[in-house]
Amino acid sequence: MTQRIAIQGELGSYSHEACRKERPDMDVLPCRNFEDAINAVRSGAAELAMLPVENSTYGRVADIHRLLPHSGLHIIDEAFVRVHINLLGVPGAQLEDIKEAHSHLVLLPQCARFLSENNIHGRVSPDNARAARDVAEQGDKSHAALASELAGEIYGLEVLARHIEDHGNNTTRFLTMSRDPNTERRGNHGMITSFVFQVRNIPAALYKAMGGFATNGINMTKLESYMVDGSFTATQFYADIDGHPDDPNVRLAMDELAYFTTNIEILGVYPENDDRF
C-alpha cells in the first residue's frame, strides 16, 4: 500500500511540487489548512506532512511557528522549491486575451511587474492551485491563473507566459514532519537542530542564553521571535543551529541555554538539504 504525505492546499500547489521532488513514491493528501495536514499525520491518515515555513522573498509563513511546538510531530527533513510562477490560461487563450489573473494573496505581488506591463488585474484566490482549477472550470479565455506548471498539467491549462516572477531567486523552504523523530542519521553536509524556547524574565536573558552557542562555536542559522497566547510580555523563540544534540559542543550550549530559559523543546534533528549549497 502506497504511503501518503499531507499538504495544505490543492494538488498542483508548490507544496505538491515539494512532495514530488522529495517524496515521489508517496501519494499526496490535500488538506484544507495546516491544522488539517498536521492532524492527518497525527491520526494516521498520512505518514508525513510537507509544510512550508519560510520564503526567501516574504519571510516566514504565517502561523507555522505557532503550530509546530504543539503539533506532536517531528521535523525529519527539509526541502527547497524554486517558486517559478506561470500565467496559465484555458486552451486556445493568448496572452493578449487575459484581463484578470487569479492566485494566492502572497503570489500576486511577486508578479506585479509582469501584471502591470500587460494590463492584467490581479484577483485573490484562496490557493494558487485552486485558482488554476477554478480557471479551468470557468473556461473563460479572459481569465488566467498564476501557478506552477504542475497545476497547469493537472487542470488542463496552457502556459501563456513562463517564469514571470519579479525576483529570480524566489525559493520556499519546506519541512517534512513525522509522528516519530529520527535522530540517528548523519547528513553529508551536516545536521540541523530546530527548537523553540522561552527566556526567563531577567535582564539580558536572551543575550545570556545565546552566549553558549558563541563560546562553543555553534552556528545559529535562524532565530525568530513571536508572541505566546497574544501576550506582549511572553515571547517564544524559534531557532535553527548547525549540529546534532549528541555533539559535545551542542550539548554544552543547550545546557547553558536551559539555565536562562523556562522551557526548551526540540522540534527536529535532520540532515541539511543539498539545495542549501
Protein backbone atom coordinates (compact mmCIF):
# COMPACT_ATOMS: atom_id res chain seq x y z
CA MET A 1 0.00 0.00 0.00
CA THR A 2 1.38 3.40 -1.00
CA GLN A 3 2.06 5.76 1.88
CA ARG A 4 0.57 9.25 1.95
CA ILE A 5 2.02 12.69 2.62
CA ALA A 6 -0.30 15.54 3.66
CA ILE A 7 -0.12 19.11 2.34
CA GLN A 8 -2.05 22.31 2.89
CA GLY A 9 -3.79 23.29 -0.33
CA GLU A 10 -4.76 21.53 -3.51
CA LEU A 11 -2.97 19.29 -5.98
CA GLY A 12 -0.70 21.37 -8.16
CA SER A 13 0.46 23.66 -5.35
CA TYR A 14 4.11 24.34 -4.58
CA SER A 15 3.73 22.03 -1.58
CA HIS A 16 2.76 19.33 -4.08
CA GLU A 17 5.91 20.17 -6.07
CA ALA A 18 7.98 19.74 -2.90
CA CYS A 19 6.44 16.29 -2.35
CA ARG A 20 7.04 15.24 -5.93
CA LYS A 21 10.66 16.35 -5.63
CA GLU A 22 11.48 14.88 -2.21
CA ARG A 23 8.95 12.05 -1.75
CA PRO A 24 7.99 10.95 -5.29
CA ASP A 25 6.97 7.49 -4.09
CA MET A 26 4.21 8.81 -1.83
CA ASP A 27 0.60 9.75 -2.62
CA VAL A 28 -0.26 13.37 -1.84
CA LEU A 29 -3.18 14.07 0.50
CA PRO A 30 -4.55 17.64 0.02
CA CYS A 31 -5.85 19.30 3.21
CA ARG A 32 -7.90 22.43 3.82
CA ASN A 33 -5.39 24.11 6.16
CA PHE A 34 -2.18 23.49 8.10
CA GLU A 35 -4.04 22.14 11.13
CA ASP A 36 -5.77 19.53 8.97
CA ALA A 37 -2.45 18.46 7.44
CA ILE A 38 -0.92 18.06 10.89
CA ASN A 39 -3.96 16.17 12.17
CA ALA A 40 -3.83 13.83 9.17
CA VAL A 41 -0.40 12.67 10.33
CA ARG A 42 -1.36 12.52 13.99
CA SER A 43 -4.42 10.39 13.18
CA GLY A 44 -2.55 8.04 10.85
CA ALA A 45 -4.40 9.17 7.71
CA ALA A 46 -0.97 10.17 6.36
CA GLU A 47 2.56 9.12 7.29
CA LEU A 48 4.18 12.52 6.71
CA ALA A 49 3.31 16.20 6.18
CA MET A 50 5.09 18.67 3.90
CA LEU A 51 4.75 22.16 5.42
CA PRO A 52 6.16 25.47 4.10
CA VAL A 53 7.94 27.50 6.78
CA GLU A 54 9.59 30.41 5.01
CA ASN A 55 10.03 32.14 1.67
CA SER A 56 13.16 33.96 0.55
CA THR A 57 11.09 36.99 -0.52
CA TYR A 58 8.29 37.17 2.05
CA GLY A 59 9.82 35.62 5.15
CA ARG A 60 8.16 33.08 7.41
CA VAL A 61 4.83 31.51 6.63
CA ALA A 62 2.13 32.80 8.96
CA ASP A 63 1.04 30.52 11.82
CA ILE A 64 3.55 27.72 11.17
CA HIS A 65 5.88 28.56 14.06
CA ARG A 66 2.85 28.84 16.33
CA LEU A 67 1.61 25.40 15.29
CA LEU A 68 4.83 23.40 15.30
CA PRO A 69 5.52 23.28 19.07
CA HIS A 70 2.05 21.85 19.79
CA SER A 71 1.73 19.66 16.70
CA GLY A 72 3.08 16.49 18.30
CA LEU A 73 5.13 15.97 15.12
CA HIS A 74 8.87 15.99 14.48
CA ILE A 75 10.94 17.52 11.69
CA ILE A 76 12.83 14.79 9.83
CA ASP A 77 13.87 16.59 6.63
CA GLU A 78 13.88 19.94 4.84
CA ALA A 79 13.19 20.71 1.19
CA PHE A 80 13.62 23.74 -1.05
CA VAL A 81 11.40 24.59 -4.01
CA ARG A 82 12.26 27.29 -6.51
CA VAL A 83 8.99 29.21 -6.92
CA HIS A 84 8.51 29.60 -10.66
CA ILE A 85 5.24 31.40 -11.37
CA ASN A 86 3.49 30.92 -14.69
CA LEU A 87 0.48 32.51 -16.34
CA LEU A 88 -1.91 29.66 -17.10
CA GLY A 89 -4.90 30.02 -19.43
CA VAL A 90 -7.58 27.79 -20.87
CA PRO A 91 -6.76 26.01 -24.15
CA GLY A 92 -6.80 28.43 -27.06
CA ALA A 93 -6.28 31.57 -24.98
CA GLN A 94 -3.49 34.01 -25.86
CA LEU A 95 -1.60 36.40 -23.59
CA GLU A 96 -3.40 39.40 -25.08
CA ASP A 97 -6.76 37.84 -24.15
CA ILE A 98 -6.06 37.86 -20.41
CA LYS A 99 -7.75 40.58 -18.37
CA GLU A 100 -7.64 39.01 -14.89
CA ALA A 101 -5.17 36.69 -13.19
CA HIS A 102 -6.13 34.74 -10.08
CA SER A 103 -3.79 33.49 -7.36
CA HIS A 104 -2.99 33.46 -3.66
CA LEU A 105 -2.58 36.83 -1.94
CA VAL A 106 1.15 36.20 -1.39
CA LEU A 107 1.81 35.22 -5.01
CA LEU A 108 0.20 38.23 -6.71
CA PRO A 109 2.77 40.85 -5.57
CA GLN A 110 5.57 38.57 -6.77
CA CYS A 111 4.36 39.12 -10.35
CA ALA A 112 3.44 42.80 -10.02
CA ARG A 113 5.78 43.98 -12.78
CA PHE A 114 4.50 41.45 -15.32
CA LEU A 115 0.85 42.13 -14.49
CA SER A 116 1.34 45.89 -14.81
CA GLU A 117 3.19 45.65 -18.12
CA ASN A 118 0.40 43.51 -19.59
CA ASN A 119 -2.55 45.44 -18.08
CA ILE A 120 -3.73 42.37 -16.17
CA HIS A 121 -5.66 42.82 -12.92
CA GLY A 122 -4.76 40.50 -10.06
CA ARG A 123 -7.56 38.72 -8.23
CA VAL A 124 -7.12 36.97 -4.87
CA SER A 125 -7.82 33.25 -4.64
CA PRO A 126 -7.53 31.02 -1.52
CA ASP A 127 -4.74 28.99 -3.17
CA ASN A 128 -2.75 29.16 -6.41
CA ALA A 129 -3.67 25.60 -7.36
CA ARG A 130 -7.32 26.35 -6.52
CA ALA A 131 -7.07 29.35 -8.85
CA ALA A 132 -5.89 27.04 -11.65
CA ARG A 133 -8.76 24.65 -11.01
CA ASP A 134 -11.33 27.47 -10.98
CA VAL A 135 -10.00 28.98 -14.22
CA ALA A 136 -10.18 25.57 -15.89
CA GLU A 137 -13.76 25.05 -14.72
CA GLN A 138 -14.91 28.52 -15.81
CA GLY A 139 -13.41 28.19 -19.30
CA ASP A 140 -13.18 31.98 -19.77
CA LYS A 141 -10.32 32.99 -22.08
CA SER A 142 -10.02 36.38 -20.36
CA HIS A 143 -9.17 34.77 -17.02
CA ALA A 144 -5.88 33.11 -16.09
CA ALA A 145 -4.16 31.66 -13.03
CA LEU A 146 -0.74 32.37 -11.57
CA ALA A 147 0.56 28.99 -10.53
CA SER A 148 3.06 26.21 -11.15
CA GLU A 149 3.40 24.29 -14.39
CA LEU A 150 2.35 21.25 -12.37
CA ALA A 151 -1.01 22.91 -11.73
CA GLY A 152 -1.37 23.51 -15.47
CA GLU A 153 -0.72 19.84 -16.17
CA ILE A 154 -3.25 18.69 -13.58
CA TYR A 155 -6.07 21.03 -14.60
CA GLY A 156 -5.50 21.09 -18.35
CA LEU A 157 -4.31 24.69 -18.69
CA GLU A 158 -1.74 26.07 -21.11
CA VAL A 159 1.33 28.10 -20.17
CA LEU A 160 0.85 31.57 -21.70
CA ALA A 161 3.94 33.06 -20.02
CA ARG A 162 6.62 31.16 -18.12
CA HIS A 163 8.62 32.22 -15.03
CA ILE A 164 7.11 35.69 -14.67
CA GLU A 165 8.09 36.26 -11.02
CA ASP A 166 9.79 39.58 -10.27
CA HIS A 167 12.60 38.04 -8.22
CA GLY A 168 14.82 35.47 -9.90
CA ASN A 169 15.80 33.63 -6.70
CA ASN A 170 12.40 33.22 -5.04
CA THR A 171 12.54 29.99 -3.02
CA THR A 172 10.34 28.38 -0.38
CA ARG A 173 11.69 26.16 2.38
CA PHE A 174 9.57 23.20 3.49
CA LEU A 175 9.79 20.90 6.49
CA THR A 176 8.90 17.21 6.35
CA MET A 177 7.06 16.25 9.53
CA SER A 178 6.59 12.79 11.03
CA ARG A 179 4.95 11.26 14.10
CA ASP A 180 8.29 9.78 15.15
CA PRO A 181 11.66 11.55 15.45
CA ASN A 182 14.69 10.27 13.57
CA THR A 183 17.89 11.34 15.31
CA GLU A 184 20.21 8.54 14.23
CA ARG A 185 21.11 9.87 10.78
CA ARG A 186 24.14 11.96 9.91
CA GLY A 187 23.90 14.13 6.78
CA ASN A 188 26.60 14.52 4.14
CA HIS A 189 26.61 18.29 4.74
CA GLY A 190 25.95 18.21 8.47
CA MET A 191 22.88 18.26 10.68
CA ILE A 192 20.34 20.87 11.75
CA THR A 193 18.64 21.00 15.13
CA SER A 194 15.43 23.05 15.34
CA PHE A 195 13.96 24.04 18.69
CA VAL A 196 11.80 26.59 20.49
CA PHE A 197 12.44 28.19 23.87
CA GLN A 198 11.21 30.90 26.22
CA VAL A 199 13.69 33.01 28.14
CA ARG A 200 13.42 33.72 31.83
CA ASN A 201 12.16 37.17 32.82
CA ILE A 202 15.55 38.59 33.80
CA PRO A 203 17.64 41.43 32.26
CA ALA A 204 19.58 40.47 29.13
CA ALA A 205 18.20 36.92 29.29
CA LEU A 206 18.30 36.40 25.53
CA TYR A 207 21.84 37.75 25.27
CA LYS A 208 22.98 35.40 28.03
CA ALA A 209 21.10 32.45 26.58
CA MET A 210 22.83 32.90 23.24
CA GLY A 211 26.28 33.07 24.79
CA GLY A 212 26.69 29.32 24.97
CA PHE A 213 26.37 28.95 21.22
CA ALA A 214 29.07 31.54 20.58
CA THR A 215 31.53 30.15 23.11
CA ASN A 216 31.04 26.60 21.80
CA GLY A 217 31.49 27.58 18.15
CA ILE A 218 27.96 26.75 17.01
CA ASN A 219 26.46 28.50 14.01
CA MET A 220 22.88 29.64 14.60
CA THR A 221 21.28 29.98 11.18
CA LYS A 222 17.88 31.21 12.33
CA LEU A 223 16.41 32.98 15.35
CA GLU A 224 12.85 34.31 15.23
CA SER A 225 10.56 35.57 17.96
CA TYR A 226 6.79 35.52 18.25
CA MET A 227 4.25 36.22 20.98
CA VAL A 228 2.71 33.45 23.07
CA ASP A 229 -1.06 33.47 23.63
CA GLY A 230 -1.32 37.08 22.49
CA SER A 231 0.83 38.40 25.33
CA PHE A 232 3.28 41.23 24.72
CA THR A 233 5.49 40.03 27.60
CA ALA A 234 5.63 36.29 26.86
CA THR A 235 7.91 35.75 23.89
CA GLN A 236 8.88 32.44 22.35
CA PHE A 237 11.87 31.98 20.07
CA TYR A 238 12.34 29.56 17.19
CA ALA A 239 15.94 28.64 16.33
CA ASP A 240 17.91 26.52 13.88
CA ILE A 241 21.51 25.60 14.64
CA ASP A 242 24.16 23.62 12.80
CA GLY A 243 24.86 20.42 14.69
CA HIS A 244 23.35 17.42 16.45
CA PRO A 245 22.22 17.34 20.12
CA ASP A 246 24.66 14.49 20.70
CA ASP A 247 27.64 16.62 19.61
CA PRO A 248 29.61 17.63 22.73
CA ASN A 249 29.63 21.35 21.87
CA VAL A 250 25.88 21.36 21.14
CA ARG A 251 25.20 19.57 24.42
CA LEU A 252 27.17 22.20 26.34
CA ALA A 253 25.39 25.06 24.55
CA MET A 254 21.96 23.58 25.19
CA ASP A 255 22.80 23.09 28.87
CA GLU A 256 23.73 26.76 29.13
CA LEU A 257 20.58 27.74 27.25
CA ALA A 258 18.49 25.77 29.74
CA TYR A 259 19.82 27.85 32.63
CA PHE A 260 18.38 31.06 31.18
CA THR A 261 15.09 29.68 29.83
CA THR A 262 11.79 28.43 31.23
CA ASN A 263 11.43 25.67 28.66
CA ILE A 264 13.13 24.21 25.58
CA GLU A 265 11.50 21.90 23.07
CA ILE A 266 13.45 20.25 20.25
CA LEU A 267 11.28 20.11 17.14
CA GLY A 268 13.58 18.06 14.97
CA VAL A 269 17.07 16.85 14.11
CA TYR A 270 17.64 16.35 10.39
CA PRO A 271 20.26 16.49 7.62
CA GLU A 272 20.98 19.74 5.81
CA ASN A 273 19.47 19.55 2.32
CA ASP A 274 21.90 19.67 -0.60
CA ASP A 275 19.89 22.56 -2.08
CA ARG A 276 21.20 24.84 0.67
CA PHE A 277 24.58 24.88 -1.08
